[in-house]
Amino acid sequence: MSRKPAIKGLYAITPDKLNTAELLRKTRLALQGGTAVLQYRNKLADADLLLEQALALRQLTREFGTTFIVNDNARLALQADADGVHLGGEDGSVAAARAILGHARIIGVSCYNRAPLAAEAVTQGADYVAFGAFFPSGIKPDAVRAEPGLLEWARRELNVPLVAIGGISLSNGAALLQAGADALAVISAVFDAADIQSSAQEFSTLISKVQHDISKSNVI
């Protein structure tokens, strides 16, 4: 693998689906809508199903040229030839994941609402960090809350892409982009939408517009 893909734009996280065909159907729609990064996450699947679905999603994301990240499991990411892994608080160190994946793949780290954790992750070699939940989340109702000011701090202090997550919608996502987020991570707002492709397209359009406006204002 050569240059690492960028972590930017709509970062869609798959819903828990045991039916692989249904998972692929929904994911294809999200990719058709412009999803830039897809993270495979399934808390219900056993090891065999995880590998089956990860391999299928790897093939699908290649079709669309979409960056593919596996949640939690560096060994599964390697087996599926994913672009990288995303580590939560209980998923081991960046160093351990790097030993499995090598230096060509992406390692992202959940940092919740903790600036010191993000700084340490970057020092250890994380390629991007994620903060949240910024808003109430139906997926993780008990998640700690993060404030947009954390993104502003991270934009100043950390030279890596920033991912915002937690209850993000079309109505509240712009504020997080303006605070410094490079990518908006969503599950329900895309995969539970009546029209998955249109929802993904609306997010992609919003992100592109806000980031264009930010870039334009910085030049001026």
Protein backbone atom coordinates (compact mmCIF):
# COMPACT_ATOMS: atom_id res chain seq x y z
CA MET A 1 0.00 0.00 0.00
CA SER A 2 1.25 3.46 -0.86
CA ARG A 3 0.02 6.80 0.42
CA LYS A 4 -2.60 6.56 3.16
CA PRO A 5 -6.13 7.64 2.18
CA ALA A 6 -7.43 10.88 3.64
CA ILE A 7 -9.89 10.85 6.53
CA LYS A 8 -12.31 13.54 5.44
CA GLY A 9 -15.97 13.98 4.54
CA LEU A 10 -18.84 11.67 5.43
CA TYR A 11 -17.59 8.87 7.70
CA ALA A 12 -20.40 6.30 7.77
CA ILE A 13 -20.41 3.56 10.41
CA THR A 14 -22.32 0.40 9.59
CA PRO A 15 -25.31 -0.68 11.70
CA ASP A 16 -25.39 -4.04 13.50
CA LYS A 17 -26.78 -6.42 10.87
CA LEU A 18 -26.58 -10.20 10.92
CA ASN A 19 -28.02 -10.39 7.41
CA THR A 20 -25.03 -9.76 5.16
CA ALA A 21 -27.13 -9.15 2.04
CA GLU A 22 -29.11 -6.45 3.84
CA LEU A 23 -25.93 -4.88 5.20
CA LEU A 24 -24.46 -4.73 1.71
CA ARG A 25 -27.67 -3.31 0.25
CA LYS A 26 -27.75 -0.48 2.75
CA THR A 27 -24.02 0.15 2.46
CA ARG A 28 -24.15 0.35 -1.33
CA LEU A 29 -26.78 3.08 -1.06
CA ALA A 30 -24.62 5.00 1.42
CA LEU A 31 -21.63 4.71 -0.89
CA GLN A 32 -23.69 5.83 -3.87
CA GLY A 33 -24.52 8.92 -1.81
CA GLY A 34 -20.88 9.90 -1.51
CA THR A 35 -19.64 8.28 1.70
CA ALA A 36 -15.91 8.97 1.84
CA VAL A 37 -14.98 6.65 4.71
CA LEU A 38 -16.81 3.50 5.77
CA GLN A 39 -16.21 1.90 9.15
CA TYR A 40 -17.37 -1.68 9.63
CA ARG A 41 -18.80 -2.13 13.11
CA ASN A 42 -20.95 -5.07 14.19
CA LYS A 43 -21.39 -5.82 17.88
CA LEU A 44 -23.71 -8.80 17.20
CA ALA A 45 -21.64 -10.90 14.81
CA ASP A 46 -19.40 -13.84 15.71
CA ALA A 47 -15.86 -14.18 14.34
CA ASP A 48 -16.87 -16.03 11.18
CA LEU A 49 -19.57 -13.53 10.28
CA LEU A 50 -17.27 -10.61 11.05
CA LEU A 51 -14.75 -11.90 8.53
CA GLU A 52 -17.43 -12.68 5.95
CA GLN A 53 -18.92 -9.20 6.19
CA ALA A 54 -15.58 -7.42 6.35
CA LEU A 55 -14.38 -9.15 3.18
CA ALA A 56 -17.64 -8.33 1.39
CA LEU A 57 -17.48 -4.69 2.46
CA ARG A 58 -13.83 -4.48 1.41
CA GLN A 59 -14.84 -5.55 -2.09
CA LEU A 60 -17.73 -3.08 -2.14
CA THR A 61 -15.66 -0.15 -0.93
CA ARG A 62 -13.04 -0.86 -3.57
CA GLU A 63 -15.77 -0.59 -6.20
CA PHE A 64 -16.48 2.96 -5.01
CA GLY A 65 -12.93 3.97 -4.08
CA THR A 66 -14.04 4.46 -0.48
CA THR A 67 -11.64 4.26 2.47
CA PHE A 68 -12.46 1.16 4.56
CA ILE A 69 -11.85 1.04 8.30
CA VAL A 70 -12.57 -1.88 10.65
CA ASN A 71 -13.73 -1.12 14.18
CA ASP A 72 -11.90 -2.52 17.21
CA ASN A 73 -10.02 -5.41 15.62
CA ALA A 74 -6.61 -4.89 14.01
CA ARG A 75 -6.27 -8.56 13.06
CA LEU A 76 -9.63 -8.50 11.29
CA ALA A 77 -8.57 -5.32 9.49
CA LEU A 78 -5.47 -7.15 8.26
CA GLN A 79 -7.44 -10.25 7.23
CA ALA A 80 -9.87 -8.13 5.24
CA ASP A 81 -7.10 -5.99 3.72
CA ALA A 82 -8.83 -2.90 5.12
CA ASP A 83 -7.25 0.52 4.91
CA GLY A 84 -7.02 0.60 8.69
CA VAL A 85 -8.54 0.10 12.11
CA HIS A 86 -10.36 2.28 14.61
CA LEU A 87 -9.52 1.70 18.28
CA GLY A 88 -11.82 2.41 21.19
CA GLY A 89 -10.82 2.79 24.80
CA GLU A 90 -10.66 -0.97 25.43
CA ASP A 91 -9.12 -2.05 22.13
CA GLY A 92 -5.42 -1.96 22.94
CA SER A 93 -2.65 0.46 22.14
CA VAL A 94 -1.67 2.18 18.94
CA ALA A 95 1.67 0.39 19.15
CA ALA A 96 0.03 -3.04 19.33
CA ALA A 97 -2.17 -2.27 16.33
CA ARG A 98 0.80 -0.86 14.42
CA ALA A 99 2.74 -4.07 15.05
CA ILE A 100 -0.08 -5.99 13.35
CA LEU A 101 -0.89 -3.57 10.54
CA GLY A 102 2.45 -2.01 9.75
CA HIS A 103 2.98 1.64 8.89
CA ALA A 104 1.06 1.77 5.61
CA ARG A 105 -2.38 1.40 7.18
CA ILE A 106 -4.47 3.88 9.11
CA ILE A 107 -4.98 3.78 12.87
CA GLY A 108 -7.70 5.96 14.36
CA VAL A 109 -8.44 6.36 18.06
CA SER A 110 -11.60 7.31 19.98
CA CYS A 111 -10.70 10.05 22.45
CA TYR A 112 -14.22 10.84 23.73
CA ASN A 113 -13.99 14.22 25.50
CA ARG A 114 -10.38 13.87 26.64
CA ALA A 115 -7.76 16.19 25.18
CA PRO A 116 -4.81 14.45 26.95
CA LEU A 117 -5.88 11.09 25.48
CA ALA A 118 -5.87 12.61 22.00
CA ALA A 119 -2.46 14.17 22.48
CA GLU A 120 -1.06 10.84 23.69
CA ALA A 121 -2.64 8.94 20.79
CA VAL A 122 -1.01 11.28 18.29
CA THR A 123 2.34 10.95 20.07
CA GLN A 124 2.01 7.16 19.76
CA GLY A 125 1.40 7.47 16.03
CA ALA A 126 -2.37 7.61 15.54
CA ASP A 127 -3.31 8.81 12.05
CA TYR A 128 -6.53 10.45 13.18
CA VAL A 129 -8.52 10.97 16.38
CA ALA A 130 -12.27 11.00 17.03
CA PHE A 131 -14.17 13.01 19.63
CA GLY A 132 -17.74 12.73 20.91
CA ALA A 133 -20.53 12.35 21.64
CA PHE A 134 -21.28 15.95 20.72
CA PHE A 135 -25.04 15.44 20.85
CA PRO A 136 -27.37 12.85 22.42
CA SER A 137 -26.97 9.54 20.62
CA GLY A 138 -29.54 6.79 20.29
CA ILE A 139 -26.74 4.29 19.59
CA LYS A 140 -24.84 5.17 22.79
CA PRO A 141 -27.26 7.05 25.05
CA ASP A 142 -24.85 6.97 28.00
CA ALA A 143 -21.84 8.26 26.04
CA VAL A 144 -19.84 11.08 27.59
CA ARG A 145 -20.50 14.49 26.06
CA ALA A 146 -17.87 16.51 24.24
CA GLU A 147 -17.96 20.22 23.47
CA PRO A 148 -17.09 21.85 20.10
CA GLY A 149 -14.28 23.73 21.82
CA LEU A 150 -12.40 20.43 21.98
CA LEU A 151 -12.28 20.39 18.18
CA GLU A 152 -11.00 23.97 18.18
CA TRP A 153 -8.20 22.96 20.57
CA ALA A 154 -7.34 19.87 18.55
CA ARG A 155 -7.22 21.84 15.30
CA ARG A 156 -4.63 24.15 16.87
CA GLU A 157 -2.57 21.51 18.68
CA LEU A 158 -2.79 18.23 16.75
CA ASN A 159 -1.63 17.79 13.19
CA VAL A 160 -3.99 14.91 12.31
CA PRO A 161 -7.52 14.68 10.88
CA LEU A 162 -10.35 15.09 13.39
CA VAL A 163 -13.55 13.05 13.36
CA ALA A 164 -16.69 14.17 15.20
CA ILE A 165 -19.30 11.63 16.30
CA GLY A 166 -22.45 11.35 18.38
CA GLY A 167 -25.97 12.37 17.43
CA ILE A 168 -24.84 14.27 14.36
CA SER A 169 -27.51 15.45 11.94
CA LEU A 170 -27.80 17.74 8.95
CA SER A 171 -28.97 20.49 11.27
CA ASN A 172 -26.08 20.36 13.75
CA GLY A 173 -23.14 19.04 11.72
CA ALA A 174 -22.04 22.37 10.25
CA ALA A 175 -21.09 23.75 13.67
CA LEU A 176 -18.70 20.84 14.22
CA LEU A 177 -17.07 21.34 10.83
CA GLN A 178 -16.64 25.03 11.60
CA ALA A 179 -15.06 24.10 14.94
CA GLY A 180 -12.45 21.99 13.17
CA ALA A 181 -13.83 18.54 12.29
CA ASP A 182 -12.54 17.05 9.05
CA ALA A 183 -15.13 14.27 9.01
CA LEU A 184 -18.59 13.68 10.45
CA ALA A 185 -19.22 10.12 11.67
CA VAL A 186 -22.82 8.97 11.50
CA ILE A 187 -24.79 5.76 11.82
CA SER A 188 -28.51 6.36 12.31
CA ALA A 189 -28.74 9.61 10.35
CA VAL A 190 -27.74 7.70 7.22
CA PHE A 191 -28.59 4.04 7.71
CA ASP A 192 -31.97 4.59 9.41
CA ALA A 193 -33.05 7.19 6.86
CA ALA A 194 -36.01 6.45 4.60
CA ASP A 195 -33.73 7.21 1.65
CA ILE A 196 -30.17 6.20 2.58
CA GLN A 197 -28.58 7.42 -0.63
CA SER A 198 -30.20 10.85 -0.43
CA SER A 199 -29.26 11.23 3.23
CA ALA A 200 -25.64 10.38 2.48
CA GLN A 201 -25.69 12.80 -0.44
CA GLU A 202 -27.06 15.59 1.74
CA PHE A 203 -24.32 15.03 4.32
CA SER A 204 -21.65 14.91 1.63
CA THR A 205 -22.93 18.14 0.09
CA LEU A 206 -23.10 19.87 3.47
CA ILE A 207 -19.55 18.86 4.37
CA SER A 208 -18.15 19.93 1.00
CA LYS A 209 -19.90 23.30 1.17
CA VAL A 210 -18.83 24.13 4.72
CA GLN A 211 -15.25 23.03 4.14
CA HIS A 212 -15.10 25.01 0.92
CA ASP A 213 -16.37 28.09 2.73
CA ILE A 214 -13.80 27.61 5.51
CA SER A 215 -10.98 27.20 2.99
CA LYS A 216 -12.13 30.28 1.10
CA SER A 217 -12.30 32.41 4.27
CA ASN A 218 -8.82 31.26 5.33
CA VAL A 219 -7.38 32.37 2.00
CA ILE A 220 -9.03 35.76 2.33
